[in-house]
Protein backbone atom coordinates (compact mmCIF):
# COMPACT_ATOMS: atom_id res chain seq x y z
CA GLY A 1 29.77 16.86 272.38
CA LYS A 2 27.04 15.57 270.14
CA ALA A 3 25.59 17.53 267.24
CA PRO A 4 22.11 19.11 267.44
CA GLY A 5 19.39 16.53 266.73
CA THR A 6 21.61 13.65 267.89
CA ILE A 7 20.59 11.46 270.81
CA SER A 8 22.90 9.55 273.13
CA ILE A 9 22.20 5.99 274.30
CA THR A 10 24.34 4.49 277.04
CA GLY A 11 24.41 0.95 278.39
CA ARG A 12 26.61 -2.11 278.36
CA GLY A 13 28.34 -3.86 275.46
CA MET A 14 27.97 -0.89 273.15
CA ARG A 15 30.43 -1.32 270.26
CA ASP A 16 30.48 -0.99 266.51
CA LEU A 17 31.06 -4.23 264.60
CA GLY A 18 32.30 -2.86 261.33
CA GLY A 19 29.60 -0.27 260.73
CA ALA A 20 26.64 -2.63 261.19
CA LEU A 21 25.26 -0.86 264.27
CA ARG A 22 21.58 0.16 263.98
CA VAL A 23 19.17 1.96 266.30
CA ALA A 24 15.45 1.13 266.02
CA PHE A 25 12.64 3.57 266.87
CA ALA A 26 9.46 1.51 267.19
CA GLY A 27 7.08 2.29 264.37
CA ARG A 28 9.48 4.88 262.92
CA GLY A 29 12.18 2.71 261.37
CA THR A 30 15.89 2.23 262.03
CA VAL A 31 18.86 4.56 261.65
CA PRO A 32 22.64 4.07 261.71
CA GLY A 33 24.44 4.45 265.00
CA THR A 34 28.03 5.23 265.87
CA VAL A 35 30.29 4.62 268.86
CA PRO A 36 32.47 7.74 269.06
CA ASP A 37 34.70 6.41 271.84
CA ALA A 38 35.56 2.72 272.05
CA GLY A 39 36.29 3.17 275.74
CA ARG A 40 32.83 4.50 276.52
CA PRO A 41 29.58 2.45 276.20
CA GLU A 42 27.72 5.16 274.26
CA VAL A 43 25.90 5.12 270.93
CA LEU A 44 25.02 8.28 269.02
CA ALA A 45 22.19 8.36 266.50
CA GLU A 46 19.91 10.86 264.81
CA ALA A 47 16.21 10.38 265.53
CA PRO A 48 14.26 9.71 262.31
CA TYR A 49 12.17 12.52 260.88
CA ALA A 50 8.65 12.64 262.29
CA PRO A 51 5.97 14.83 260.65
CA PRO A 52 4.58 17.42 263.11
CA THR A 53 1.52 16.12 264.97
CA ALA A 54 -0.77 17.59 267.57
CA ASN A 55 0.05 14.97 270.21
CA ALA A 56 3.32 13.82 271.70
CA GLY A 57 4.26 10.20 271.15
CA SER A 58 6.59 7.91 273.07
CA VAL A 59 8.30 5.11 271.13
CA GLY A 60 10.61 2.31 272.19
CA VAL A 61 14.31 2.58 271.30
CA GLU A 62 16.60 -0.44 270.96
CA VAL A 63 20.14 -1.05 269.66
CA ALA A 64 21.58 -3.83 267.50
CA ILE A 65 25.36 -3.80 267.36
CA ASP A 66 25.26 -6.38 264.54
CA GLY A 67 22.39 -4.66 262.75
CA GLN A 68 20.02 -7.59 263.30
CA ARG A 69 19.52 -8.64 266.93
CA PHE A 70 18.12 -5.74 268.93
CA SER A 71 18.39 -5.12 272.65
CA ARG A 72 15.40 -5.26 274.98
CA GLY A 73 16.23 -2.47 277.36
CA GLY A 74 12.80 -0.81 277.41
CA LEU A 75 14.14 2.65 276.59
CA ALA A 76 11.74 5.27 275.23
CA TYR A 77 12.05 8.44 273.16
CA VAL A 78 9.35 11.11 272.98
CA PHE A 79 8.49 12.87 269.73
CA TYR A 80 6.73 16.18 270.41
CA THR A 81 5.62 19.31 268.61
CA ALA A 82 5.58 22.38 270.85
CA GLU A 83 5.14 26.10 270.36
CA VAL A 84 5.35 29.09 272.72
CA ALA A 85 2.44 31.52 272.33
CA GLY A 86 3.05 34.05 275.10
CA LEU A 87 4.80 35.06 278.32
CA GLU A 88 3.53 36.79 281.44
CA PRO A 89 4.32 38.99 283.20
CA ARG A 90 6.43 40.76 280.61
CA GLY A 91 8.42 42.69 283.18
CA GLY A 92 9.59 42.87 286.76
CA PRO A 93 11.95 44.90 288.96
CA ALA A 94 15.67 44.32 288.50
CA GLY A 95 17.33 42.94 291.62
CA ARG A 96 14.33 40.77 292.53
CA GLN A 97 13.39 37.29 291.39
CA THR A 98 10.39 37.27 289.06
CA THR A 99 8.56 34.07 288.10
CA VAL A 100 7.40 34.17 284.49
CA THR A 101 4.93 31.81 282.83
CA LEU A 102 5.32 30.70 279.24
CA ARG A 103 2.07 29.57 277.61
CA GLY A 104 1.79 27.47 274.51
CA THR A 105 0.86 24.14 272.98
CA GLY A 106 2.44 20.70 272.89
CA PHE A 107 4.47 21.10 276.10
CA VAL A 108 5.71 17.79 277.52
CA ASP A 109 7.45 16.95 280.80
CA LEU A 110 10.33 14.63 279.94
CA GLY A 111 11.25 14.16 283.60
CA GLY A 112 14.61 14.57 285.24
CA GLN A 113 14.20 18.36 285.40
CA VAL A 114 15.57 18.67 281.86
CA ALA A 115 13.34 21.60 280.83
CA ARG A 116 15.32 24.84 280.78
CA CYS A 117 14.75 28.54 280.14
CA PHE A 118 17.45 30.56 278.41
CA ILE A 119 17.28 34.25 279.35
CA ARG A 120 19.63 36.40 277.32
CA ALA A 121 20.04 40.12 276.68
CA ALA A 122 18.02 40.95 273.57
CA GLU A 123 20.14 41.91 270.57
CA ASP A 124 17.89 44.91 269.90
CA ALA A 125 17.84 45.85 273.59
CA GLY A 126 18.24 49.55 272.79
CA GLU A 127 14.94 49.68 270.91
CA GLY A 128 13.20 47.48 273.46
CA ALA A 129 14.46 49.48 276.40
CA ALA A 130 13.38 52.75 274.84
CA ALA A 131 9.87 51.33 274.50
CA ALA A 132 9.73 50.53 278.21
CA GLY A 133 8.13 53.85 279.06
CA GLY A 134 11.04 55.33 280.97
CA ALA A 135 11.45 52.55 283.55
CA VAL A 136 14.36 51.25 281.48
CA SER A 137 15.92 53.71 279.06
CA ALA A 138 18.28 52.85 276.26
CA THR A 139 21.07 54.54 278.22
CA SER A 140 20.28 52.98 281.63
CA ALA A 141 20.07 49.36 280.43
CA THR A 142 23.08 47.52 281.85
CA ASN A 143 22.44 43.98 280.67
CA GLU A 144 24.62 43.86 277.55
CA GLY A 145 25.97 40.31 277.24
CA ALA A 146 23.98 39.04 280.22
CA SER A 147 22.88 35.41 279.89
CA PHE A 148 21.20 33.01 282.30
CA GLU A 149 20.11 29.38 282.11
CA VAL A 150 17.53 28.35 284.71
CA ALA A 151 15.33 25.36 285.45
CA ALA A 152 11.82 25.34 283.98
CA ARG A 153 8.74 23.77 285.58
CA VAL A 154 6.41 22.20 283.02
CA ASP A 155 2.67 21.69 283.51
CA ALA A 156 1.82 19.79 280.34
CA ALA A 157 -1.89 19.55 281.15
CA ALA A 158 -2.19 23.34 281.55
CA GLY A 159 0.09 24.14 278.61
CA THR A 160 2.36 26.26 280.79
CA CYS A 161 5.98 26.38 281.87
CA GLU A 162 7.34 28.51 284.73
CA CYS A 163 10.87 29.77 285.19
CA ASP A 164 12.49 32.34 287.47
CA VAL A 165 14.31 35.40 286.21
CA PRO A 166 17.16 35.59 288.75
CA PRO A 167 17.61 38.69 290.92
CA ARG A 168 21.15 39.09 289.56
CA ALA A 169 19.74 39.98 286.11
CA PRO A 170 20.59 43.66 285.57
CA ALA A 171 18.09 46.15 284.17
CA GLY A 172 17.37 45.71 280.48
CA VAL A 173 15.36 43.73 277.93
CA TYR A 174 15.79 39.97 277.63
CA ALA A 175 14.79 37.34 275.10
CA VAL A 176 13.35 34.26 276.83
CA ARG A 177 13.63 30.88 275.08
CA LEU A 178 12.38 27.48 276.26
CA SER A 179 13.89 24.04 275.81
CA LEU A 180 12.00 20.94 276.92
CA ASN A 181 14.96 18.60 276.41
CA GLY A 182 17.87 20.15 278.26
CA GLY A 183 18.90 22.62 275.59
CA ALA A 184 19.21 20.17 272.69
CA ASP A 185 16.32 21.94 270.93
CA LEU A 186 14.63 25.30 271.48
CA VAL A 187 10.84 25.52 271.29
CA ALA A 188 9.71 27.79 268.48
CA SER A 189 7.62 30.88 269.23
CA ALA A 190 4.38 31.64 267.43
CA PHE A 191 5.65 35.14 266.73
CA ASP A 192 8.94 36.76 267.79
CA ASP A 193 10.94 35.56 270.79
CA GLU A 194 9.21 36.35 274.05
CA ARG A 195 10.61 39.41 275.83
CA PHE A 196 11.00 40.26 279.50
CA THR A 197 12.02 43.69 280.80
CA ALA A 198 13.91 43.99 284.07
CA TYR A 199 13.22 47.58 285.02
CA ASP A 200 14.73 50.01 287.50
CA LEU A 201 12.21 50.22 290.33
CA ALA A 202 13.73 53.53 291.47
CA ALA A 203 12.56 55.07 288.17
CA VAL A 204 8.91 54.31 289.02
CA ARG A 205 7.20 56.86 291.24
CA VAL A 206 3.70 58.03 292.18
CA ASP A 207 3.36 61.79 292.60
CA GLU A 208 -0.36 62.32 292.87
CA ILE A 209 -3.74 60.59 293.20
CA GLN A 210 -6.85 62.09 291.63
CA PRO A 211 -9.32 62.56 293.18
CA PRO A 212 -7.75 62.51 296.64
CA GLY A 213 -10.87 61.04 298.28
CA GLY A 214 -14.38 59.65 297.79
CA LEU A 215 -17.52 58.33 299.51
CA GLU A 216 -17.03 55.25 301.66
CA GLY A 217 -18.88 52.22 300.30
CA GLU A 218 -19.06 53.63 296.78
CA ALA A 219 -17.00 52.43 293.81
CA ALA A 220 -14.66 55.13 292.54
CA ARG A 221 -12.18 55.45 289.72
CA VAL A 222 -8.91 57.08 290.67
CA THR A 223 -5.96 58.19 288.57
CA LEU A 224 -2.36 57.83 289.68
CA VAL A 225 0.02 60.44 288.29
CA GLY A 226 3.75 59.80 288.24
CA ALA A 227 6.55 58.42 286.08
CA GLY A 228 7.92 55.10 284.80
CA PHE A 229 4.52 53.41 284.46
CA ARG A 230 4.11 50.52 282.04
CA ASP A 231 1.71 47.57 281.78
CA PHE A 232 3.67 44.30 281.77
CA GLY A 233 0.58 42.08 281.97
C-alpha cells in the first residue's frame, strides 16, 4: 500500500525512465514520481505542500515519464482545508441505527462515495461511560475493541456530513472521525474527537409525571421522574 500523503495515478504507458519521472500539479509545481511495480501502470507521488486556505481548490495533474513532456489526461486533484466542529446527536440506543451529523468547515464532496466515518471505541471509554448519567455505566459498556467504518454523505454547501452508527454497535462510548478522501487523511477536530454514546435503552425509564394533569388549552410545564436520563442534543 501507499504511504499516508501519497497519491496514486493510473493510466497507460506508466514507466520510470531512469528516475526522470515527474508529476505536475498545475500552479503548484512538480514533484518526483515512482513506479513501484513495473507490471502495473501506476505512479505514486506526494502532493506538494499547500498552505491552508479557506476555499478548496482543484488543480490539474499530469505525468511526464521523461521529466519533460507531460500527459494531457485532464486529471484533477483537490486541495482542501477542513475541520469538524461538532456532532449531533451525541447519543442513541444501542441495537438501533442512529444517523449522526458532523458539522464543520471546508467539507468537500470528492465524488465516488469516498467520504468515510470511522467509529471506534473510545480509549477512555470508562470515564466517558461513567459520565453518561447511568444509561451506560463503566461496568455495562461492552464495546471494548469495537470498530466500524461506514459511508459518509457530504453536503458541502451546508457544511455537514451524515453517517450511520450501525445497530450492531454495542453499548459504550465511541470516538467518531471523518475522512473525506477514503481514509487517506482524517479531518481534524476543532477540539477533542467527537464522541457518540450508544446507551442501553432498558436502563432508561419513566416512573412519574408531575403534575399528573392540567387545564386543556393551557400551556403547562411537566416534570418526568425516572432514571437513565441524559441530553444528547
